[in-house]
Amino acid sequence: MQAGRFFDESRDDPELPETAVLRVLWMTAQGMVWPWLLQSMCRRDAIKHALQAELIWAPVGDHLGYHITDEGRRRIMAWYQDHRPGAGADEDADDWRAVTMR
């Protein structure tokens, strides 16, 4: 399954951009934890990186989806503090949209 309609993989850089990993953390923190949902909204390589870096944990069985680790929560909260609306310069708007889709 390719990343779904929410994420344009044609814009991917050869290297995994930080915003792609932050997007995984954002979506997981927002409750988008089911594999089909997270995979339709995020890059697969970003999900894999987040798992390997132990920023999220893999689903357990059929009833407990992906979940964010304490380190993943610290990382997305630090990003949020710097990029939330009204907290920074206008150039943060592109990062905000890339991570949150808002």
PDB file of N, CA and C in Angstrom:
ATOM      1  N   MET A   1       0.837  -1.183   0.000  1.00  0.00           N
ATOM      2  CA  MET A   1       0.000   0.000   0.000  1.00  0.00           C
ATOM      3  C   MET A   1       0.880   1.245   0.000  1.00  0.00           C
ATOM      4  N   GLN A   2       0.639   2.137  -0.908  1.00  0.00           N
ATOM      5  CA  GLN A   2       1.350   3.408  -0.982  1.00  0.00           C
ATOM      6  C   GLN A   2       0.751   4.372   0.026  1.00  0.00           C
ATOM      7  N   ALA A   3       1.517   5.418   0.339  1.00  0.00           N
ATOM      8  CA  ALA A   3       0.920   6.463   1.158  1.00  0.00           C
ATOM      9  C   ALA A   3      -0.302   6.968   0.418  1.00  0.00           C
ATOM     10  N   GLY A   4      -1.347   7.232   1.150  1.00  0.00           N
ATOM     11  CA  GLY A   4      -2.626   7.522   0.535  1.00  0.00           C
ATOM     12  C   GLY A   4      -2.782   8.934   0.013  1.00  0.00           C
ATOM     13  N   ARG A   5      -4.006   9.296  -0.173  1.00  0.00           N
ATOM     14  CA  ARG A   5      -4.359  10.554  -0.805  1.00  0.00           C
ATOM     15  C   ARG A   5      -3.945  11.764  -0.002  1.00  0.00           C
ATOM     16  N   PHE A   6      -3.592  11.581   1.261  1.00  0.00           N
ATOM     17  CA  PHE A   6      -3.254  12.711   2.109  1.00  0.00           C
ATOM     18  C   PHE A   6      -1.798  13.130   2.013  1.00  0.00           C
ATOM     19  N   PHE A   7      -0.946  12.274   1.488  1.00  0.00           N
ATOM     20  CA  PHE A   7       0.474  12.583   1.465  1.00  0.00           C
ATOM     21  C   PHE A   7       1.003  12.394   0.058  1.00  0.00           C
ATOM     22  N   ASP A   8       1.586  13.417  -0.501  1.00  0.00           N
ATOM     23  CA  ASP A   8       2.081  13.416  -1.873  1.00  0.00           C
ATOM     24  C   ASP A   8       3.522  12.913  -1.898  1.00  0.00           C
ATOM     25  N   GLU A   9       3.715  11.619  -2.204  1.00  0.00           N
ATOM     26  CA  GLU A   9       5.062  11.057  -2.216  1.00  0.00           C
ATOM     27  C   GLU A   9       5.886  11.547  -3.397  1.00  0.00           C
ATOM     28  N   SER A  10       5.268  12.149  -4.383  1.00  0.00           N
ATOM     29  CA  SER A  10       6.036  12.658  -5.519  1.00  0.00           C
ATOM     30  C   SER A  10       6.935  13.814  -5.096  1.00  0.00           C
ATOM     31  N   ARG A  11       6.668  14.403  -3.933  1.00  0.00           N
ATOM     32  CA  ARG A  11       7.474  15.509  -3.430  1.00  0.00           C
ATOM     33  C   ARG A  11       8.575  15.036  -2.496  1.00  0.00           C
ATOM     34  N   ASP A  12       8.716  13.737  -2.280  1.00  0.00           N
ATOM     35  CA  ASP A  12       9.717  13.217  -1.343  1.00  0.00           C
ATOM     36  C   ASP A  12      11.119  13.601  -1.761  1.00  0.00           C
ATOM     37  N   ASP A  13      11.930  13.911  -0.776  1.00  0.00           N
ATOM     38  CA  ASP A  13      13.347  14.122  -0.990  1.00  0.00           C
ATOM     39  C   ASP A  13      14.033  12.769  -0.966  1.00  0.00           C
ATOM     40  N   PRO A  14      15.242  12.669  -1.557  1.00  0.00           N
ATOM     41  CA  PRO A  14      15.953  11.393  -1.498  1.00  0.00           C
ATOM     42  C   PRO A  14      16.223  10.966  -0.054  1.00  0.00           C
ATOM     43  N   GLU A  15      16.452  11.924   0.817  1.00  0.00           N
ATOM     44  CA  GLU A  15      16.636  11.621   2.229  1.00  0.00           C
ATOM     45  C   GLU A  15      15.318  11.882   2.945  1.00  0.00           C
ATOM     46  N   LEU A  16      15.116  11.170   4.024  1.00  0.00           N
ATOM     47  CA  LEU A  16      13.887  11.319   4.784  1.00  0.00           C
ATOM     48  C   LEU A  16      13.864  12.683   5.472  1.00  0.00           C
ATOM     49  N   PRO A  17      12.912  13.551   5.105  1.00  0.00           N
ATOM     50  CA  PRO A  17      12.849  14.861   5.755  1.00  0.00           C
ATOM     51  C   PRO A  17      12.339  14.741   7.190  1.00  0.00           C
ATOM     52  N   GLU A  18      12.822  15.603   8.042  1.00  0.00           N
ATOM     53  CA  GLU A  18      12.404  15.628   9.444  1.00  0.00           C
ATOM     54  C   GLU A  18      10.894  15.813   9.562  1.00  0.00           C
ATOM     55  N   THR A  19      10.319  16.608   8.681  1.00  0.00           N
ATOM     56  CA  THR A  19       8.878  16.839   8.760  1.00  0.00           C
ATOM     57  C   THR A  19       8.084  15.545   8.569  1.00  0.00           C
ATOM     58  N   ALA A  20       8.611  14.600   7.807  1.00  0.00           N
ATOM     59  CA  ALA A  20       7.907  13.332   7.604  1.00  0.00           C
ATOM     60  C   ALA A  20       7.830  12.537   8.904  1.00  0.00           C
ATOM     61  N   VAL A  21       8.908  12.540   9.666  1.00  0.00           N
ATOM     62  CA  VAL A  21       8.927  11.840  10.958  1.00  0.00           C
ATOM     63  C   VAL A  21       8.025  12.581  11.953  1.00  0.00           C
ATOM     64  N   LEU A  22       8.111  13.899  11.966  1.00  0.00           N
ATOM     65  CA  LEU A  22       7.258  14.682  12.857  1.00  0.00           C
ATOM     66  C   LEU A  22       5.783  14.466  12.534  1.00  0.00           C
ATOM     67  N   ARG A  23       5.484  14.282  11.252  1.00  0.00           N
ATOM     68  CA  ARG A  23       4.107  14.012  10.854  1.00  0.00           C
ATOM     69  C   ARG A  23       3.603  12.708  11.463  1.00  0.00           C
ATOM     70  N   VAL A  24       4.457  11.676  11.464  1.00  0.00           N
ATOM     71  CA  VAL A  24       4.090  10.401  12.096  1.00  0.00           C
ATOM     72  C   VAL A  24       3.794  10.633  13.577  1.00  0.00           C
ATOM     73  N   LEU A  25       4.652  11.390  14.239  1.00  0.00           N
ATOM     74  CA  LEU A  25       4.451  11.658  15.662  1.00  0.00           C
ATOM     75  C   LEU A  25       3.176  12.456  15.896  1.00  0.00           C
ATOM     76  N   TRP A  26       2.942  13.474  15.073  1.00  0.00           N
ATOM     77  CA  TRP A  26       1.740  14.294  15.201  1.00  0.00           C
ATOM     78  C   TRP A  26       0.484  13.444  15.038  1.00  0.00           C
ATOM     79  N   MET A  27       0.454  12.650  13.980  1.00  0.00           N
ATOM     80  CA  MET A  27      -0.725  11.832  13.708  1.00  0.00           C
ATOM     81  C   MET A  27      -0.956  10.818  14.824  1.00  0.00           C
ATOM     82  N   THR A  28       0.107  10.218  15.308  1.00  0.00           N
ATOM     83  CA  THR A  28      -0.025   9.245  16.392  1.00  0.00           C
ATOM     84  C   THR A  28      -0.522   9.933  17.660  1.00  0.00           C
ATOM     85  N   ALA A  29       0.041  11.090  17.970  1.00  0.00           N
ATOM     86  CA  ALA A  29      -0.388  11.836  19.158  1.00  0.00           C
ATOM     87  C   ALA A  29      -1.853  12.279  19.038  1.00  0.00           C
ATOM     88  N   GLN A  30      -2.335  12.487  17.813  1.00  0.00           N
ATOM     89  CA  GLN A  30      -3.717  12.906  17.582  1.00  0.00           C
ATOM     90  C   GLN A  30      -4.695  11.732  17.550  1.00  0.00           C
ATOM     91  N   GLY A  31      -4.175  10.512  17.686  1.00  0.00           N
ATOM     92  CA  GLY A  31      -5.053   9.343  17.729  1.00  0.00           C
ATOM     93  C   GLY A  31      -5.178   8.588  16.427  1.00  0.00           C
ATOM     94  N   MET A  32      -4.402   8.947  15.423  1.00  0.00           N
ATOM     95  CA  MET A  32      -4.425   8.234  14.145  1.00  0.00           C
ATOM     96  C   MET A  32      -3.522   7.006  14.260  1.00  0.00           C
ATOM     97  N   VAL A  33      -3.942   6.022  15.005  1.00  0.00           N
ATOM     98  CA  VAL A  33      -3.062   4.935  15.414  1.00  0.00           C
ATOM     99  C   VAL A  33      -3.236   3.631  14.647  1.00  0.00           C
ATOM    100  N   TRP A  34      -4.297   3.521  13.874  1.00  0.00           N
ATOM    101  CA  TRP A  34      -4.524   2.259  13.169  1.00  0.00           C
ATOM    102  C   TRP A  34      -3.606   2.175  11.962  1.00  0.00           C
ATOM    103  N   PRO A  35      -2.999   1.015  11.721  1.00  0.00           N
ATOM    104  CA  PRO A  35      -2.022   0.885  10.633  1.00  0.00           C
ATOM    105  C   PRO A  35      -2.524   1.421   9.296  1.00  0.00           C
ATOM    106  N   TRP A  36      -3.719   1.054   8.870  1.00  0.00           N
ATOM    107  CA  TRP A  36      -4.234   1.514   7.578  1.00  0.00           C
ATOM    108  C   TRP A  36      -4.364   3.034   7.545  1.00  0.00           C
ATOM    109  N   LEU A  37      -4.708   3.635   8.669  1.00  0.00           N
ATOM    110  CA  LEU A  37      -4.896   5.080   8.725  1.00  0.00           C
ATOM    111  C   LEU A  37      -3.548   5.807   8.719  1.00  0.00           C
ATOM    112  N   LEU A  38      -2.636   5.374   9.576  1.00  0.00           N
ATOM    113  CA  LEU A  38      -1.325   6.018   9.636  1.00  0.00           C
ATOM    114  C   LEU A  38      -0.582   5.853   8.307  1.00  0.00           C
ATOM    115  N   GLN A  39      -0.687   4.675   7.697  1.00  0.00           N
ATOM    116  CA  GLN A  39      -0.003   4.436   6.434  1.00  0.00           C
ATOM    117  C   GLN A  39      -0.626   5.219   5.282  1.00  0.00           C
ATOM    118  N   SER A  40      -1.890   5.590   5.401  1.00  0.00           N
ATOM    119  CA  SER A  40      -2.511   6.385   4.346  1.00  0.00           C
ATOM    120  C   SER A  40      -2.203   7.870   4.502  1.00  0.00           C
ATOM    121  N   MET A  41      -1.718   8.266   5.657  1.00  0.00           N
ATOM    122  CA  MET A  41      -1.481   9.680   5.927  1.00  0.00           C
ATOM    123  C   MET A  41      -0.002  10.038   6.078  1.00  0.00           C
ATOM    124  N   CYS A  42       0.864   9.031   6.133  1.00  0.00           N
ATOM    125  CA  CYS A  42       2.292   9.268   6.363  1.00  0.00           C
ATOM    126  C   CYS A  42       3.131   8.402   5.429  1.00  0.00           C
ATOM    127  N   ARG A  43       4.368   8.821   5.259  1.00  0.00           N
ATOM    128  CA  ARG A  43       5.303   8.019   4.464  1.00  0.00           C
ATOM    129  C   ARG A  43       5.680   6.754   5.227  1.00  0.00           C
ATOM    130  N   ARG A  44       5.729   5.642   4.506  1.00  0.00           N
ATOM    131  CA  ARG A  44       6.110   4.370   5.140  1.00  0.00           C
ATOM    132  C   ARG A  44       7.520   4.424   5.722  1.00  0.00           C
ATOM    133  N   ASP A  45       8.465   5.068   5.002  1.00  0.00           N
ATOM    134  CA  ASP A  45       9.826   5.134   5.522  1.00  0.00           C
ATOM    135  C   ASP A  45       9.897   5.985   6.787  1.00  0.00           C
ATOM    136  N   ALA A  46       9.002   6.952   6.926  1.00  0.00           N
ATOM    137  CA  ALA A  46       8.956   7.765   8.139  1.00  0.00           C
ATOM    138  C   ALA A  46       8.407   6.947   9.306  1.00  0.00           C
ATOM    139  N   ILE A  47       7.406   6.122   9.037  1.00  0.00           N
ATOM    140  CA  ILE A  47       6.863   5.237  10.067  1.00  0.00           C
ATOM    141  C   ILE A  47       7.948   4.265  10.515  1.00  0.00           C
ATOM    142  N   LYS A  48       8.649   3.690   9.555  1.00  0.00           N
ATOM    143  CA  LYS A  48       9.722   2.742   9.875  1.00  0.00           C
ATOM    144  C   LYS A  48      10.815   3.423  10.703  1.00  0.00           C
ATOM    145  N   HIS A  49      11.193   4.634  10.322  1.00  0.00           N
ATOM    146  CA  HIS A  49      12.216   5.371  11.068  1.00  0.00           C
ATOM    147  C   HIS A  49      11.742   5.641  12.505  1.00  0.00           C
ATOM    148  N   ALA A  50      10.488   6.066  12.653  1.00  0.00           N
ATOM    149  CA  ALA A  50       9.949   6.341  13.986  1.00  0.00           C
ATOM    150  C   ALA A  50       9.941   5.081  14.848  1.00  0.00           C
ATOM    151  N   LEU A  51       9.636   3.946  14.244  1.00  0.00           N
ATOM    152  CA  LEU A  51       9.677   2.679  14.983  1.00  0.00           C
ATOM    153  C   LEU A  51      11.098   2.325  15.404  1.00  0.00           C
ATOM    154  N   GLN A  52      12.036   2.423  14.471  1.00  0.00           N
ATOM    155  CA  GLN A  52      13.424   2.069  14.765  1.00  0.00           C
ATOM    156  C   GLN A  52      14.049   3.008  15.790  1.00  0.00           C
ATOM    157  N   ALA A  53      13.650   4.266  15.773  1.00  0.00           N
ATOM    158  CA  ALA A  53      14.167   5.251  16.730  1.00  0.00           C
ATOM    159  C   ALA A  53      13.409   5.198  18.058  1.00  0.00           C
ATOM    160  N   GLU A  54      12.431   4.295  18.149  1.00  0.00           N
ATOM    161  CA  GLU A  54      11.598   4.117  19.335  1.00  0.00           C
ATOM    162  C   GLU A  54      10.854   5.393  19.727  1.00  0.00           C
ATOM    163  N   LEU A  55      10.376   6.107  18.689  1.00  0.00           N
ATOM    164  CA  LEU A  55       9.530   7.274  18.908  1.00  0.00           C
ATOM    165  C   LEU A  55       8.056   6.855  18.958  1.00  0.00           C
ATOM    166  N   ILE A  56       7.752   5.735  18.304  1.00  0.00           N
ATOM    167  CA  ILE A  56       6.440   5.094  18.400  1.00  0.00           C
ATOM    168  C   ILE A  56       6.684   3.601  18.585  1.00  0.00           C
ATOM    169  N   TRP A  57       5.651   2.910  19.064  1.00  0.00           N
ATOM    170  CA  TRP A  57       5.690   1.457  19.164  1.00  0.00           C
ATOM    171  C   TRP A  57       4.666   0.884  18.206  1.00  0.00           C
ATOM    172  N   ALA A  58       4.976  -0.305  17.707  1.00  0.00           N
ATOM    173  CA  ALA A  58       4.120  -0.981  16.735  1.00  0.00           C
ATOM    174  C   ALA A  58       2.807  -1.424  17.376  1.00  0.00           C
ATOM    175  N   PRO A  59       1.805  -1.644  16.546  1.00  0.00           N
ATOM    176  CA  PRO A  59       0.528  -2.150  17.063  1.00  0.00           C
ATOM    177  C   PRO A  59       0.709  -3.491  17.766  1.00  0.00           C
ATOM    178  N   VAL A  60      -0.163  -3.735  18.731  1.00  0.00           N
ATOM    179  CA  VAL A  60      -0.161  -4.993  19.472  1.00  0.00           C
ATOM    180  C   VAL A  60      -1.507  -5.659  19.239  1.00  0.00           C
ATOM    181  N   GLY A  61      -1.485  -6.801  18.595  1.00  0.00           N
ATOM    182  CA  GLY A  61      -2.733  -7.500  18.326  1.00  0.00           C
ATOM    183  C   GLY A  61      -3.651  -6.691  17.423  1.00  0.00           C
ATOM    184  N   ASP A  62      -4.930  -6.990  17.523  1.00  0.00           N
ATOM    185  CA  ASP A  62      -5.925  -6.343  16.670  1.00  0.00           C
ATOM    186  C   ASP A  62      -6.598  -5.146  17.333  1.00  0.00           C
ATOM    187  N   HIS A  63      -6.286  -4.884  18.590  1.00  0.00           N
ATOM    188  CA  HIS A  63      -7.056  -3.878  19.320  1.00  0.00           C
ATOM    189  C   HIS A  63      -6.243  -2.706  19.857  1.00  0.00           C
ATOM    190  N   LEU A  64      -4.946  -2.754  19.719  1.00  0.00           N
ATOM    191  CA  LEU A  64      -4.112  -1.664  20.214  1.00  0.00           C
ATOM    192  C   LEU A  64      -3.195  -1.232  19.077  1.00  0.00           C
ATOM    193  N   GLY A  65      -3.477  -0.078  18.496  1.00  0.00           N
ATOM    194  CA  GLY A  65      -2.721   0.426  17.350  1.00  0.00           C
ATOM    195  C   GLY A  65      -1.361   0.971  17.740  1.00  0.00           C
ATOM    196  N   TYR A  66      -0.732   1.678  16.813  1.00  0.00           N
ATOM    197  CA  TYR A  66       0.530   2.347  17.097  1.00  0.00           C
ATOM    198  C   TYR A  66       0.349   3.237  18.321  1.00  0.00           C
ATOM    199  N   HIS A  67       1.383   3.411  19.096  1.00  0.00           N
ATOM    200  CA  HIS A  67       1.307   4.362  20.188  1.00  0.00           C
ATOM    201  C   HIS A  67       2.640   5.076  20.336  1.00  0.00           C
ATOM    202  N   ILE A  68       2.551   6.313  20.760  1.00  0.00           N
ATOM    203  CA  ILE A  68       3.712   7.184  20.855  1.00  0.00           C
ATOM    204  C   ILE A  68       4.448   6.904  22.168  1.00  0.00           C
ATOM    205  N   THR A  69       5.766   6.909  22.095  1.00  0.00           N
ATOM    206  CA  THR A  69       6.574   6.699  23.296  1.00  0.00           C
ATOM    207  C   THR A  69       6.787   8.030  24.010  1.00  0.00           C
ATOM    208  N   ASP A  70       7.339   7.970  25.203  1.00  0.00           N
ATOM    209  CA  ASP A  70       7.641   9.206  25.931  1.00  0.00           C
ATOM    210  C   ASP A  70       8.598  10.082  25.130  1.00  0.00           C
ATOM    211  N   GLU A  71       9.592   9.468  24.502  1.00  0.00           N
ATOM    212  CA  GLU A  71      10.550  10.234  23.699  1.00  0.00           C
ATOM    213  C   GLU A  71       9.873  10.854  22.483  1.00  0.00           C
ATOM    214  N   GLY A  72       8.986  10.108  21.847  1.00  0.00           N
ATOM    215  CA  GLY A  72       8.239  10.657  20.720  1.00  0.00           C
ATOM    216  C   GLY A  72       7.369  11.821  21.146  1.00  0.00           C
ATOM    217  N   ARG A  73       6.750  11.701  22.303  1.00  0.00           N
ATOM    218  CA  ARG A  73       5.909  12.791  22.815  1.00  0.00           C
ATOM    219  C   ARG A  73       6.753  14.024  23.136  1.00  0.00           C
ATOM    220  N   ARG A  74       7.930  13.830  23.732  1.00  0.00           N
ATOM    221  CA  ARG A  74       8.821  14.961  24.001  1.00  0.00           C
ATOM    222  C   ARG A  74       9.220  15.659  22.709  1.00  0.00           C
ATOM    223  N   ARG A  75       9.528  14.863  21.701  1.00  0.00           N
ATOM    224  CA  ARG A  75       9.980  15.435  20.425  1.00  0.00           C
ATOM    225  C   ARG A  75       8.884  16.238  19.731  1.00  0.00           C
ATOM    226  N   ILE A  76       7.659  15.705  19.681  1.00  0.00           N
ATOM    227  CA  ILE A  76       6.590  16.437  19.010  1.00  0.00           C
ATOM    228  C   ILE A  76       6.173  17.648  19.832  1.00  0.00           C
ATOM    229  N   MET A  77       6.242  17.564  21.147  1.00  0.00           N
ATOM    230  CA  MET A  77       5.901  18.722  21.977  1.00  0.00           C
ATOM    231  C   MET A  77       6.938  19.836  21.826  1.00  0.00           C
ATOM    232  N   ALA A  78       8.210  19.483  21.731  1.00  0.00           N
ATOM    233  CA  ALA A  78       9.260  20.491  21.516  1.00  0.00           C
ATOM    234  C   ALA A  78       9.047  21.174  20.163  1.00  0.00           C
ATOM    235  N   TRP A  79       8.720  20.381  19.142  1.00  0.00           N
ATOM    236  CA  TRP A  79       8.446  20.961  17.826  1.00  0.00           C
ATOM    237  C   TRP A  79       7.230  21.884  17.908  1.00  0.00           C
ATOM    238  N   TYR A  80       6.183  21.433  18.580  1.00  0.00           N
ATOM    239  CA  TYR A  80       4.964  22.230  18.688  1.00  0.00           C
ATOM    240  C   TYR A  80       5.231  23.569  19.377  1.00  0.00           C
ATOM    241  N   GLN A  81       6.015  23.556  20.421  1.00  0.00           N
ATOM    242  CA  GLN A  81       6.311  24.798  21.143  1.00  0.00           C
ATOM    243  C   GLN A  81       6.966  25.828  20.225  1.00  0.00           C
ATOM    244  N   ASP A  82       7.769  25.372  19.283  1.00  0.00           N
ATOM    245  CA  ASP A  82       8.462  26.279  18.362  1.00  0.00           C
ATOM    246  C   ASP A  82       7.644  26.645  17.121  1.00  0.00           C
ATOM    247  N   HIS A  83       6.670  25.824  16.751  1.00  0.00           N
ATOM    248  CA  HIS A  83       5.979  26.003  15.474  1.00  0.00           C
ATOM    249  C   HIS A  83       4.484  26.266  15.571  1.00  0.00           C
ATOM    250  N   ARG A  84       3.923  26.265  16.748  1.00  0.00           N
ATOM    251  CA  ARG A  84       2.475  26.462  16.867  1.00  0.00           C
ATOM    252  C   ARG A  84       2.087  27.821  16.288  1.00  0.00           C
ATOM    253  N   PRO A  85       0.861  27.930  15.829  1.00  0.00           N
ATOM    254  CA  PRO A  85       0.417  29.212  15.262  1.00  0.00           C
ATOM    255  C   PRO A  85       0.623  30.355  16.256  1.00  0.00           C
ATOM    256  N   GLY A  86       1.187  31.432  15.756  1.00  0.00           N
ATOM    257  CA  GLY A  86       1.441  32.596  16.584  1.00  0.00           C
ATOM    258  C   GLY A  86       2.740  32.560  17.357  1.00  0.00           C
ATOM    259  N   ALA A  87       3.492  31.463  17.265  1.00  0.00           N
ATOM    260  CA  ALA A  87       4.721  31.335  18.046  1.00  0.00           C
ATOM    261  C   ALA A  87       5.966  31.735  17.278  1.00  0.00           C
ATOM    262  N   GLY A  88       5.873  31.798  15.956  1.00  0.00           N
ATOM    263  CA  GLY A  88       7.085  32.041  15.187  1.00  0.00           C
ATOM    264  C   GLY A  88       6.835  32.852  13.943  1.00  0.00           C
ATOM    265  N   ALA A  89       7.837  32.831  13.107  1.00  0.00           N
ATOM    266  CA  ALA A  89       7.801  33.596  11.859  1.00  0.00           C
ATOM    267  C   ALA A  89       6.901  32.911  10.835  1.00  0.00           C
ATOM    268  N   ASP A  90       6.579  33.650   9.794  1.00  0.00           N
ATOM    269  CA  ASP A  90       5.715  33.118   8.748  1.00  0.00           C
ATOM    270  C   ASP A  90       6.322  31.909   8.039  1.00  0.00           C
ATOM    271  N   GLU A  91       7.652  31.808   8.008  1.00  0.00           N
ATOM    272  CA  GLU A  91       8.270  30.665   7.326  1.00  0.00           C
ATOM    273  C   GLU A  91       7.952  29.345   8.030  1.00  0.00           C
ATOM    274  N   ASP A  92       7.491  29.386   9.285  1.00  0.00           N
ATOM    275  CA  ASP A  92       7.088  28.173   9.980  1.00  0.00           C
ATOM    276  C   ASP A  92       5.768  27.622   9.455  1.00  0.00           C
ATOM    277  N   ALA A  93       5.029  28.427   8.714  1.00  0.00           N
ATOM    278  CA  ALA A  93       3.717  28.003   8.225  1.00  0.00           C
ATOM    279  C   ALA A  93       3.819  26.777   7.322  1.00  0.00           C
ATOM    280  N   ASP A  94       4.848  26.702   6.485  1.00  0.00           N
ATOM    281  CA  ASP A  94       5.010  25.536   5.606  1.00  0.00           C
ATOM    282  C   ASP A  94       5.281  24.277   6.420  1.00  0.00           C
ATOM    283  N   ASP A  95       6.140  24.382   7.435  1.00  0.00           N
ATOM    284  CA  ASP A  95       6.401  23.236   8.307  1.00  0.00           C
ATOM    285  C   ASP A  95       5.132  22.822   9.043  1.00  0.00           C
ATOM    286  N   TRP A  96       4.388  23.796   9.526  1.00  0.00           N
ATOM    287  CA  TRP A  96       3.150  23.525  10.248  1.00  0.00           C
ATOM    288  C   TRP A  96       2.193  22.725   9.371  1.00  0.00           C
ATOM    289  N   ARG A  97       2.011  23.169   8.129  1.00  0.00           N
ATOM    290  CA  ARG A  97       1.114  22.472   7.211  1.00  0.00           C
ATOM    291  C   ARG A  97       1.634  21.083   6.853  1.00  0.00           C
ATOM    292  N   ALA A  98       2.940  20.943   6.662  1.00  0.00           N
ATOM    293  CA  ALA A  98       3.520  19.649   6.299  1.00  0.00           C
ATOM    294  C   ALA A  98       3.334  18.619   7.412  1.00  0.00           C
ATOM    295  N   VAL A  99       3.420  19.055   8.634  1.00  0.00           N
ATOM    296  CA  VAL A  99       3.306  18.138   9.765  1.00  0.00           C
ATOM    297  C   VAL A  99       1.848  17.891  10.143  1.00  0.00           C
ATOM    298  N   THR A 100       1.041  18.935  10.172  1.00  0.00           N
ATOM    299  CA  THR A 100      -0.314  18.814  10.723  1.00  0.00           C
ATOM    300  C   THR A 100      -1.424  18.724   9.688  1.00  0.00           C
ATOM    301  N   MET A 101      -1.141  19.052   8.435  1.00  0.00           N
ATOM    302  CA  MET A 101      -2.142  19.123   7.372  1.00  0.00           C
ATOM    303  C   MET A 101      -3.191  20.188   7.664  1.00  0.00           C
ATOM    304  N   ARG A 102      -2.845  21.194   8.416  1.00  0.00           N
ATOM    305  CA  ARG A 102      -3.803  22.277   8.746  1.00  0.00           C
ATOM    306  C   ARG A 102      -3.330  23.565   8.136  1.00  0.00           C
TER     307      ARG A 102
END
